[in-house]
N, C-alpha and C. Protein backbone atom coordinates (compact mmCIF):
# COMPACT_ATOMS: atom_id res chain seq x y z
N MET A 1 -5.11 -12.94 -2.98
CA MET A 1 -5.74 -12.41 -4.17
C MET A 1 -7.08 -11.78 -3.84
N CYS A 2 -7.73 -12.26 -2.81
CA CYS A 2 -9.04 -11.74 -2.47
C CYS A 2 -8.97 -10.27 -2.08
N CYS A 3 -7.83 -9.84 -1.53
CA CYS A 3 -7.72 -8.45 -1.12
C CYS A 3 -7.68 -7.50 -2.32
N LEU A 4 -7.41 -8.02 -3.51
CA LEU A 4 -7.37 -7.18 -4.70
C LEU A 4 -8.76 -6.95 -5.30
N ILE A 5 -9.75 -7.69 -4.83
CA ILE A 5 -11.11 -7.56 -5.33
C ILE A 5 -11.85 -6.57 -4.44
N LYS A 6 -12.53 -5.62 -5.04
CA LYS A 6 -13.28 -4.64 -4.27
C LYS A 6 -14.42 -5.31 -3.52
N THR A 7 -14.77 -4.73 -2.38
CA THR A 7 -15.84 -5.28 -1.55
C THR A 7 -17.14 -5.39 -2.32
N THR A 8 -17.45 -4.39 -3.12
CA THR A 8 -18.70 -4.45 -3.89
C THR A 8 -18.68 -5.59 -4.89
N SER A 9 -17.54 -5.86 -5.49
CA SER A 9 -17.44 -6.97 -6.44
C SER A 9 -17.66 -8.30 -5.74
N ARG A 10 -17.08 -8.44 -4.55
CA ARG A 10 -17.25 -9.68 -3.80
C ARG A 10 -18.71 -9.87 -3.40
N SER A 11 -19.35 -8.81 -2.92
CA SER A 11 -20.74 -8.96 -2.48
C SER A 11 -21.66 -9.20 -3.67
N GLU A 12 -21.39 -8.57 -4.81
CA GLU A 12 -22.21 -8.81 -6.00
C GLU A 12 -22.04 -10.25 -6.48
N ASN A 13 -20.83 -10.76 -6.40
CA ASN A 13 -20.58 -12.15 -6.79
C ASN A 13 -21.31 -13.11 -5.85
N ALA A 14 -21.25 -12.85 -4.56
CA ALA A 14 -21.94 -13.71 -3.59
C ALA A 14 -23.45 -13.62 -3.78
N ASN A 15 -23.96 -12.42 -3.99
CA ASN A 15 -25.40 -12.25 -4.23
C ASN A 15 -25.85 -13.02 -5.46
N SER A 16 -25.07 -12.93 -6.52
CA SER A 16 -25.41 -13.63 -7.75
C SER A 16 -25.44 -15.14 -7.52
N PHE A 17 -24.46 -15.65 -6.78
CA PHE A 17 -24.40 -17.08 -6.50
C PHE A 17 -25.61 -17.54 -5.69
N PHE A 18 -25.91 -16.83 -4.61
CA PHE A 18 -27.02 -17.24 -3.74
C PHE A 18 -28.38 -17.01 -4.38
N ASN A 19 -28.49 -16.04 -5.28
CA ASN A 19 -29.77 -15.79 -5.95
C ASN A 19 -30.22 -16.97 -6.79
N SER A 20 -29.28 -17.79 -7.24
CA SER A 20 -29.67 -18.96 -8.03
C SER A 20 -30.32 -20.03 -7.14
N PHE A 21 -30.16 -19.92 -5.83
CA PHE A 21 -30.75 -20.89 -4.90
C PHE A 21 -31.92 -20.31 -4.10
N LEU A 22 -32.05 -19.00 -4.08
CA LEU A 22 -33.06 -18.34 -3.26
C LEU A 22 -34.00 -17.52 -4.14
N LYS A 23 -35.22 -17.37 -3.67
CA LYS A 23 -36.21 -16.57 -4.40
C LYS A 23 -36.84 -15.55 -3.46
N ILE A 24 -37.26 -14.44 -4.02
CA ILE A 24 -37.96 -13.43 -3.23
C ILE A 24 -39.28 -14.04 -2.74
N GLY A 25 -39.58 -13.83 -1.50
CA GLY A 25 -40.82 -14.35 -0.93
C GLY A 25 -40.66 -15.69 -0.25
N ASN A 26 -39.45 -16.23 -0.21
CA ASN A 26 -39.23 -17.50 0.50
C ASN A 26 -39.48 -17.30 1.99
N ASN A 27 -40.07 -18.31 2.60
CA ASN A 27 -40.19 -18.25 4.06
C ASN A 27 -38.85 -18.69 4.66
N LEU A 28 -38.76 -18.67 5.97
CA LEU A 28 -37.49 -18.97 6.64
C LEU A 28 -37.01 -20.38 6.32
N PHE A 29 -37.91 -21.35 6.30
CA PHE A 29 -37.53 -22.72 6.00
C PHE A 29 -36.97 -22.83 4.58
N GLN A 30 -37.63 -22.22 3.61
CA GLN A 30 -37.16 -22.26 2.22
C GLN A 30 -35.81 -21.55 2.08
N PHE A 31 -35.67 -20.44 2.80
CA PHE A 31 -34.39 -19.71 2.78
C PHE A 31 -33.26 -20.60 3.30
N MET A 32 -33.48 -21.24 4.45
CA MET A 32 -32.44 -22.09 5.04
C MET A 32 -32.13 -23.28 4.14
N LEU A 33 -33.14 -23.85 3.52
CA LEU A 33 -32.93 -24.98 2.62
C LEU A 33 -32.10 -24.54 1.40
N GLY A 34 -32.45 -23.42 0.82
CA GLY A 34 -31.68 -22.89 -0.32
C GLY A 34 -30.26 -22.54 0.06
N PHE A 35 -30.11 -21.96 1.24
CA PHE A 35 -28.78 -21.60 1.73
C PHE A 35 -27.92 -22.85 1.92
N GLU A 36 -28.51 -23.90 2.49
CA GLU A 36 -27.78 -25.16 2.68
C GLU A 36 -27.38 -25.78 1.34
N PHE A 37 -28.27 -25.73 0.35
CA PHE A 37 -27.93 -26.24 -0.98
C PHE A 37 -26.76 -25.46 -1.58
N ALA A 38 -26.78 -24.16 -1.40
CA ALA A 38 -25.70 -23.32 -1.93
C ALA A 38 -24.37 -23.66 -1.28
N LEU A 39 -24.38 -23.79 0.04
CA LEU A 39 -23.14 -24.15 0.74
C LEU A 39 -22.65 -25.54 0.35
N GLU A 40 -23.59 -26.46 0.18
CA GLU A 40 -23.20 -27.81 -0.23
C GLU A 40 -22.57 -27.81 -1.61
N LYS A 41 -23.08 -26.99 -2.51
CA LYS A 41 -22.49 -26.89 -3.84
C LYS A 41 -21.07 -26.36 -3.75
N GLN A 42 -20.85 -25.35 -2.91
CA GLN A 42 -19.50 -24.81 -2.73
C GLN A 42 -18.57 -25.86 -2.14
N ARG A 43 -19.05 -26.61 -1.15
CA ARG A 43 -18.23 -27.66 -0.54
C ARG A 43 -17.84 -28.74 -1.55
N ARG A 44 -18.81 -29.18 -2.36
CA ARG A 44 -18.51 -30.20 -3.37
C ARG A 44 -17.46 -29.71 -4.36
N GLU A 45 -17.60 -28.48 -4.80
CA GLU A 45 -16.63 -27.92 -5.74
C GLU A 45 -15.24 -27.82 -5.10
N GLN A 46 -15.20 -27.41 -3.84
CA GLN A 46 -13.92 -27.31 -3.15
C GLN A 46 -13.28 -28.69 -2.99
N HIS A 47 -14.08 -29.69 -2.64
CA HIS A 47 -13.55 -31.06 -2.51
C HIS A 47 -13.05 -31.58 -3.86
N ARG A 48 -13.77 -31.28 -4.92
CA ARG A 48 -13.35 -31.72 -6.26
C ARG A 48 -12.00 -31.09 -6.63
N LEU A 49 -11.87 -29.79 -6.37
CA LEU A 49 -10.62 -29.11 -6.68
C LEU A 49 -9.47 -29.60 -5.80
N ASP A 50 -9.75 -29.83 -4.52
CA ASP A 50 -8.72 -30.37 -3.62
C ASP A 50 -8.25 -31.74 -4.08
N TYR A 51 -9.18 -32.59 -4.46
CA TYR A 51 -8.83 -33.93 -4.95
C TYR A 51 -7.98 -33.83 -6.21
N HIS A 52 -8.38 -32.96 -7.11
CA HIS A 52 -7.62 -32.78 -8.35
C HIS A 52 -6.20 -32.31 -8.06
N THR A 53 -6.05 -31.40 -7.11
CA THR A 53 -4.73 -30.89 -6.76
C THR A 53 -3.87 -31.98 -6.13
N ARG A 54 -4.46 -32.81 -5.27
CA ARG A 54 -3.70 -33.86 -4.59
C ARG A 54 -3.32 -35.02 -5.50
N THR A 55 -4.12 -35.29 -6.50
CA THR A 55 -3.91 -36.51 -7.30
C THR A 55 -3.30 -36.27 -8.67
N THR A 56 -3.07 -35.04 -9.04
CA THR A 56 -2.48 -34.76 -10.35
C THR A 56 -1.28 -33.84 -10.20
N LEU A 57 -0.44 -33.87 -11.18
CA LEU A 57 0.69 -32.95 -11.23
C LEU A 57 0.52 -32.04 -12.44
N PRO A 58 0.93 -30.80 -12.30
CA PRO A 58 0.82 -29.89 -13.44
C PRO A 58 1.89 -30.19 -14.48
N LYS A 59 1.74 -29.59 -15.63
CA LYS A 59 2.75 -29.71 -16.68
C LYS A 59 3.92 -28.80 -16.30
N TRP A 60 5.11 -29.36 -16.29
CA TRP A 60 6.29 -28.58 -15.93
C TRP A 60 6.75 -27.75 -17.12
N LEU A 61 7.14 -26.52 -16.86
CA LEU A 61 7.65 -25.64 -17.91
C LEU A 61 9.17 -25.65 -17.97
N THR A 62 9.81 -26.05 -16.87
CA THR A 62 11.28 -26.07 -16.80
C THR A 62 11.72 -27.33 -16.08
N TYR A 63 13.02 -27.53 -16.03
CA TYR A 63 13.60 -28.63 -15.25
C TYR A 63 14.16 -28.12 -13.93
N ILE A 64 13.76 -26.95 -13.53
CA ILE A 64 14.27 -26.31 -12.32
C ILE A 64 13.59 -26.91 -11.09
N LYS A 65 14.38 -27.31 -10.10
CA LYS A 65 13.83 -27.93 -8.89
C LYS A 65 12.93 -26.97 -8.11
N MET A 66 13.19 -25.69 -8.23
CA MET A 66 12.38 -24.70 -7.54
C MET A 66 10.93 -24.74 -8.02
N GLU A 67 10.73 -25.09 -9.27
CA GLU A 67 9.37 -25.21 -9.81
C GLU A 67 8.62 -26.36 -9.12
N ARG A 68 9.30 -27.47 -8.90
CA ARG A 68 8.67 -28.60 -8.19
C ARG A 68 8.36 -28.23 -6.75
N HIS A 69 9.27 -27.48 -6.13
CA HIS A 69 9.04 -27.04 -4.75
C HIS A 69 7.84 -26.11 -4.68
N ALA A 70 7.70 -25.24 -5.66
CA ALA A 70 6.54 -24.33 -5.70
C ALA A 70 5.24 -25.13 -5.77
N CYS A 71 5.25 -26.23 -6.51
CA CYS A 71 4.06 -27.07 -6.62
C CYS A 71 3.67 -27.66 -5.27
N ASP A 72 4.66 -27.91 -4.43
CA ASP A 72 4.41 -28.49 -3.11
C ASP A 72 3.88 -27.48 -2.10
N ILE A 73 4.26 -26.22 -2.23
CA ILE A 73 3.92 -25.25 -1.18
C ILE A 73 2.78 -24.31 -1.53
N TYR A 74 2.41 -24.21 -2.79
CA TYR A 74 1.33 -23.30 -3.19
C TYR A 74 0.11 -24.07 -3.65
N THR A 75 -1.05 -23.42 -3.55
CA THR A 75 -2.25 -24.00 -4.15
C THR A 75 -2.05 -24.04 -5.66
N ARG A 76 -2.85 -24.82 -6.34
CA ARG A 76 -2.65 -25.00 -7.77
C ARG A 76 -2.78 -23.68 -8.54
N SER A 77 -3.76 -22.86 -8.20
CA SER A 77 -3.94 -21.61 -8.94
C SER A 77 -2.78 -20.65 -8.71
N VAL A 78 -2.29 -20.56 -7.47
CA VAL A 78 -1.14 -19.70 -7.19
C VAL A 78 0.11 -20.30 -7.82
N PHE A 79 0.21 -21.63 -7.81
CA PHE A 79 1.37 -22.28 -8.41
C PHE A 79 1.53 -21.89 -9.87
N PHE A 80 0.44 -21.85 -10.62
CA PHE A 80 0.55 -21.50 -12.04
C PHE A 80 1.10 -20.08 -12.22
N GLU A 81 0.75 -19.18 -11.33
CA GLU A 81 1.30 -17.82 -11.41
C GLU A 81 2.78 -17.82 -11.05
N VAL A 82 3.14 -18.56 -10.00
CA VAL A 82 4.55 -18.65 -9.58
C VAL A 82 5.36 -19.36 -10.67
N GLN A 83 4.79 -20.39 -11.26
CA GLN A 83 5.46 -21.12 -12.33
C GLN A 83 5.80 -20.18 -13.50
N THR A 84 4.87 -19.30 -13.82
CA THR A 84 5.12 -18.33 -14.89
C THR A 84 6.28 -17.41 -14.52
N GLU A 85 6.34 -16.98 -13.27
CA GLU A 85 7.44 -16.11 -12.83
C GLU A 85 8.78 -16.86 -12.89
N ILE A 86 8.80 -18.12 -12.49
CA ILE A 86 10.03 -18.91 -12.54
C ILE A 86 10.46 -19.10 -14.00
N HIS A 87 9.51 -19.40 -14.85
CA HIS A 87 9.81 -19.59 -16.27
C HIS A 87 10.36 -18.31 -16.89
N ARG A 88 9.74 -17.19 -16.56
CA ARG A 88 10.22 -15.91 -17.08
C ARG A 88 11.60 -15.55 -16.53
N ALA A 89 11.84 -15.92 -15.26
CA ALA A 89 13.17 -15.67 -14.68
C ALA A 89 14.23 -16.45 -15.44
N ALA A 90 13.90 -17.68 -15.77
CA ALA A 90 14.88 -18.54 -16.45
C ALA A 90 15.13 -18.11 -17.90
N TRP A 91 14.08 -17.64 -18.58
CA TRP A 91 14.21 -17.42 -20.01
C TRP A 91 14.16 -15.98 -20.48
N THR A 92 13.65 -15.06 -19.68
CA THR A 92 13.53 -13.69 -20.17
C THR A 92 14.25 -12.66 -19.32
N CYS A 93 14.99 -13.09 -18.31
CA CYS A 93 15.74 -12.16 -17.47
C CYS A 93 17.21 -12.56 -17.43
N SER A 94 18.04 -11.56 -17.30
CA SER A 94 19.46 -11.83 -17.10
C SER A 94 20.00 -10.84 -16.08
N ILE A 95 21.03 -11.25 -15.38
CA ILE A 95 21.67 -10.37 -14.40
C ILE A 95 22.70 -9.54 -15.14
N LYS A 96 22.45 -8.25 -15.20
CA LYS A 96 23.33 -7.35 -15.94
C LYS A 96 24.54 -6.95 -15.11
N SER A 97 24.30 -6.68 -13.81
CA SER A 97 25.42 -6.32 -12.94
C SER A 97 25.06 -6.60 -11.49
N VAL A 98 26.11 -6.72 -10.67
CA VAL A 98 25.95 -6.93 -9.23
C VAL A 98 26.85 -5.92 -8.53
N ASN A 99 26.26 -5.14 -7.63
CA ASN A 99 27.03 -4.19 -6.83
C ASN A 99 26.94 -4.61 -5.37
N SER A 100 28.10 -4.71 -4.73
CA SER A 100 28.13 -5.12 -3.33
C SER A 100 28.67 -4.00 -2.47
N ASP A 101 28.08 -3.85 -1.31
CA ASP A 101 28.64 -2.97 -0.28
C ASP A 101 28.53 -3.70 1.05
N GLU A 102 28.78 -3.00 2.14
CA GLU A 102 28.79 -3.64 3.45
C GLU A 102 27.42 -4.17 3.86
N LYS A 103 26.35 -3.51 3.41
CA LYS A 103 25.01 -3.87 3.86
C LYS A 103 24.32 -4.89 2.96
N ALA A 104 24.50 -4.79 1.66
CA ALA A 104 23.72 -5.65 0.77
C ALA A 104 24.35 -5.75 -0.61
N GLU A 105 23.80 -6.67 -1.37
CA GLU A 105 24.15 -6.79 -2.78
C GLU A 105 22.97 -6.26 -3.59
N THR A 106 23.27 -5.50 -4.62
CA THR A 106 22.23 -4.96 -5.49
C THR A 106 22.42 -5.56 -6.88
N TYR A 107 21.34 -6.14 -7.39
CA TYR A 107 21.37 -6.77 -8.70
C TYR A 107 20.61 -5.91 -9.69
N LEU A 108 21.17 -5.75 -10.87
CA LEU A 108 20.46 -5.09 -11.96
C LEU A 108 20.02 -6.19 -12.92
N ILE A 109 18.71 -6.36 -13.02
CA ILE A 109 18.13 -7.42 -13.85
C ILE A 109 17.66 -6.81 -15.16
N GLU A 110 18.05 -7.44 -16.25
CA GLU A 110 17.64 -6.98 -17.57
C GLU A 110 16.57 -7.92 -18.11
N HIS A 111 15.49 -7.32 -18.62
CA HIS A 111 14.43 -8.10 -19.26
C HIS A 111 14.80 -8.27 -20.72
N LEU A 112 14.95 -9.49 -21.15
CA LEU A 112 15.33 -9.75 -22.53
C LEU A 112 14.18 -9.51 -23.49
N ASP A 113 12.96 -9.57 -22.97
CA ASP A 113 11.80 -9.37 -23.84
C ASP A 113 11.31 -7.91 -23.85
N LYS A 114 11.79 -7.09 -22.92
CA LYS A 114 11.39 -5.68 -22.85
C LYS A 114 12.61 -4.84 -22.53
N ARG A 115 13.41 -4.55 -23.49
CA ARG A 115 14.69 -3.88 -23.25
C ARG A 115 14.55 -2.43 -22.79
N ASP A 116 13.50 -1.75 -23.19
CA ASP A 116 13.37 -0.34 -22.86
C ASP A 116 12.66 -0.09 -21.53
N GLU A 117 12.15 -1.12 -20.91
CA GLU A 117 11.38 -0.96 -19.68
C GLU A 117 12.31 -0.70 -18.50
N LYS A 118 12.03 0.33 -17.74
CA LYS A 118 12.81 0.66 -16.55
C LYS A 118 11.92 0.49 -15.33
N ILE A 119 12.31 -0.38 -14.42
CA ILE A 119 11.56 -0.62 -13.19
C ILE A 119 12.50 -0.42 -12.02
N ALA A 120 12.17 0.51 -11.14
CA ALA A 120 13.00 0.73 -9.97
C ALA A 120 12.76 -0.38 -8.95
N TYR A 121 11.53 -0.52 -8.51
CA TYR A 121 11.14 -1.57 -7.58
C TYR A 121 9.78 -2.09 -8.02
N CYS A 122 9.66 -3.39 -8.16
CA CYS A 122 8.37 -3.90 -8.65
C CYS A 122 7.39 -4.19 -7.51
N ASN A 123 7.86 -4.39 -6.29
CA ASN A 123 7.00 -4.67 -5.13
C ASN A 123 6.02 -5.81 -5.38
N HIS A 124 6.43 -6.76 -6.15
CA HIS A 124 5.57 -7.89 -6.53
C HIS A 124 5.12 -8.70 -5.32
N ILE A 125 6.03 -8.97 -4.40
CA ILE A 125 5.68 -9.79 -3.24
C ILE A 125 4.63 -9.09 -2.36
N ASP A 126 4.68 -7.78 -2.30
CA ASP A 126 3.68 -7.04 -1.52
C ASP A 126 2.31 -7.07 -2.20
N ARG A 127 2.31 -7.01 -3.52
CA ARG A 127 1.05 -6.99 -4.25
C ARG A 127 0.43 -8.36 -4.43
N HIS A 128 1.26 -9.40 -4.61
CA HIS A 128 0.73 -10.72 -4.95
C HIS A 128 0.97 -11.79 -3.88
N GLY A 129 1.95 -11.59 -3.02
CA GLY A 129 2.21 -12.56 -1.96
C GLY A 129 3.20 -13.64 -2.33
N TYR A 130 3.79 -13.55 -3.50
CA TYR A 130 4.84 -14.50 -3.89
C TYR A 130 5.92 -13.75 -4.64
N LEU A 131 7.07 -14.39 -4.80
CA LEU A 131 8.24 -13.73 -5.37
C LEU A 131 8.07 -13.43 -6.85
N CYS A 132 8.81 -12.43 -7.30
CA CYS A 132 8.78 -12.03 -8.71
C CYS A 132 9.92 -12.70 -9.48
N ARG A 133 9.89 -12.53 -10.78
CA ARG A 133 10.92 -13.13 -11.64
C ARG A 133 12.31 -12.57 -11.34
N HIS A 134 12.39 -11.33 -10.85
CA HIS A 134 13.69 -10.73 -10.55
C HIS A 134 14.37 -11.48 -9.40
N VAL A 135 13.60 -11.75 -8.35
CA VAL A 135 14.14 -12.49 -7.21
C VAL A 135 14.43 -13.93 -7.61
N PHE A 136 13.52 -14.53 -8.37
CA PHE A 136 13.77 -15.90 -8.83
C PHE A 136 15.06 -15.97 -9.66
N LYS A 137 15.33 -14.96 -10.46
CA LYS A 137 16.56 -14.95 -11.26
C LYS A 137 17.79 -14.95 -10.36
N VAL A 138 17.76 -14.13 -9.32
CA VAL A 138 18.88 -14.08 -8.38
C VAL A 138 19.03 -15.42 -7.65
N LEU A 139 17.91 -16.01 -7.22
CA LEU A 139 17.96 -17.30 -6.53
C LEU A 139 18.48 -18.40 -7.46
N LEU A 140 18.00 -18.40 -8.69
CA LEU A 140 18.47 -19.40 -9.66
C LEU A 140 19.96 -19.24 -9.93
N ASN A 141 20.40 -18.01 -10.03
CA ASN A 141 21.82 -17.73 -10.27
C ASN A 141 22.68 -18.20 -9.10
N ALA A 142 22.12 -18.13 -7.89
CA ALA A 142 22.84 -18.55 -6.69
C ALA A 142 22.77 -20.07 -6.47
N GLY A 143 22.00 -20.77 -7.31
CA GLY A 143 21.89 -22.22 -7.18
C GLY A 143 20.91 -22.69 -6.13
N VAL A 144 20.02 -21.81 -5.69
CA VAL A 144 19.02 -22.18 -4.69
C VAL A 144 17.99 -23.09 -5.35
N GLU A 145 17.65 -24.20 -4.68
CA GLU A 145 16.75 -25.19 -5.27
C GLU A 145 15.34 -25.15 -4.71
N SER A 146 15.13 -24.44 -3.61
CA SER A 146 13.78 -24.35 -3.04
C SER A 146 13.48 -22.89 -2.70
N ILE A 147 12.22 -22.59 -2.62
CA ILE A 147 11.78 -21.22 -2.35
C ILE A 147 11.91 -20.96 -0.85
N PRO A 148 12.69 -19.96 -0.47
CA PRO A 148 12.84 -19.65 0.96
C PRO A 148 11.52 -19.18 1.56
N GLU A 149 11.41 -19.33 2.87
CA GLU A 149 10.20 -18.86 3.56
C GLU A 149 10.08 -17.36 3.43
N LYS A 150 8.87 -16.87 3.50
CA LYS A 150 8.60 -15.45 3.29
C LYS A 150 9.33 -14.57 4.30
N LYS A 151 9.55 -15.07 5.51
CA LYS A 151 10.19 -14.24 6.53
C LYS A 151 11.60 -13.81 6.12
N HIS A 152 12.23 -14.55 5.21
CA HIS A 152 13.57 -14.18 4.76
C HIS A 152 13.54 -12.98 3.81
N PHE A 153 12.36 -12.61 3.34
CA PHE A 153 12.25 -11.54 2.36
C PHE A 153 11.59 -10.29 2.91
N GLU A 154 11.47 -10.19 4.23
CA GLU A 154 10.77 -9.05 4.82
C GLU A 154 11.43 -7.72 4.49
N LYS A 155 12.75 -7.68 4.40
CA LYS A 155 13.45 -6.42 4.14
C LYS A 155 13.91 -6.31 2.69
N MET A 156 13.51 -7.24 1.86
CA MET A 156 13.95 -7.21 0.48
C MET A 156 13.12 -6.25 -0.35
N GLU A 157 13.77 -5.48 -1.16
CA GLU A 157 13.08 -4.61 -2.10
C GLU A 157 13.35 -5.14 -3.49
N THR A 158 12.29 -5.41 -4.23
CA THR A 158 12.47 -5.94 -5.58
C THR A 158 12.06 -4.91 -6.60
């Protein structure tokens, strides 16, 4: 997700964060002390979030085993995005047709919530780093219970 944020946005965010700990005119000792406080605050927040992720379970949206597997392999924030895709695959997508040839199977996925929308290829995995609802629909239809490793999807076009 960090690659989707512009460099200037990241640097402005970092500057804003460190400015709350540093002041213009600080000597080197004051700068280092403020910098250490800032890093310590980031570490504490990261530890708090890690603890929360390890000791709690999210609210499940479906009874699909793939959703539980996603909780095990993704960070909590990414899991919520993947969970939404799995939920949408289960409830708002349907497989309209399947065409097979010697090289591959092609699935036509229909969005039940957006009937007029035409999408040739969504390229979701390239943009976000996790599978889209279209692929989840095909996997669910095939009875797959866990999310395959990314290397299996290198040649897949969604």
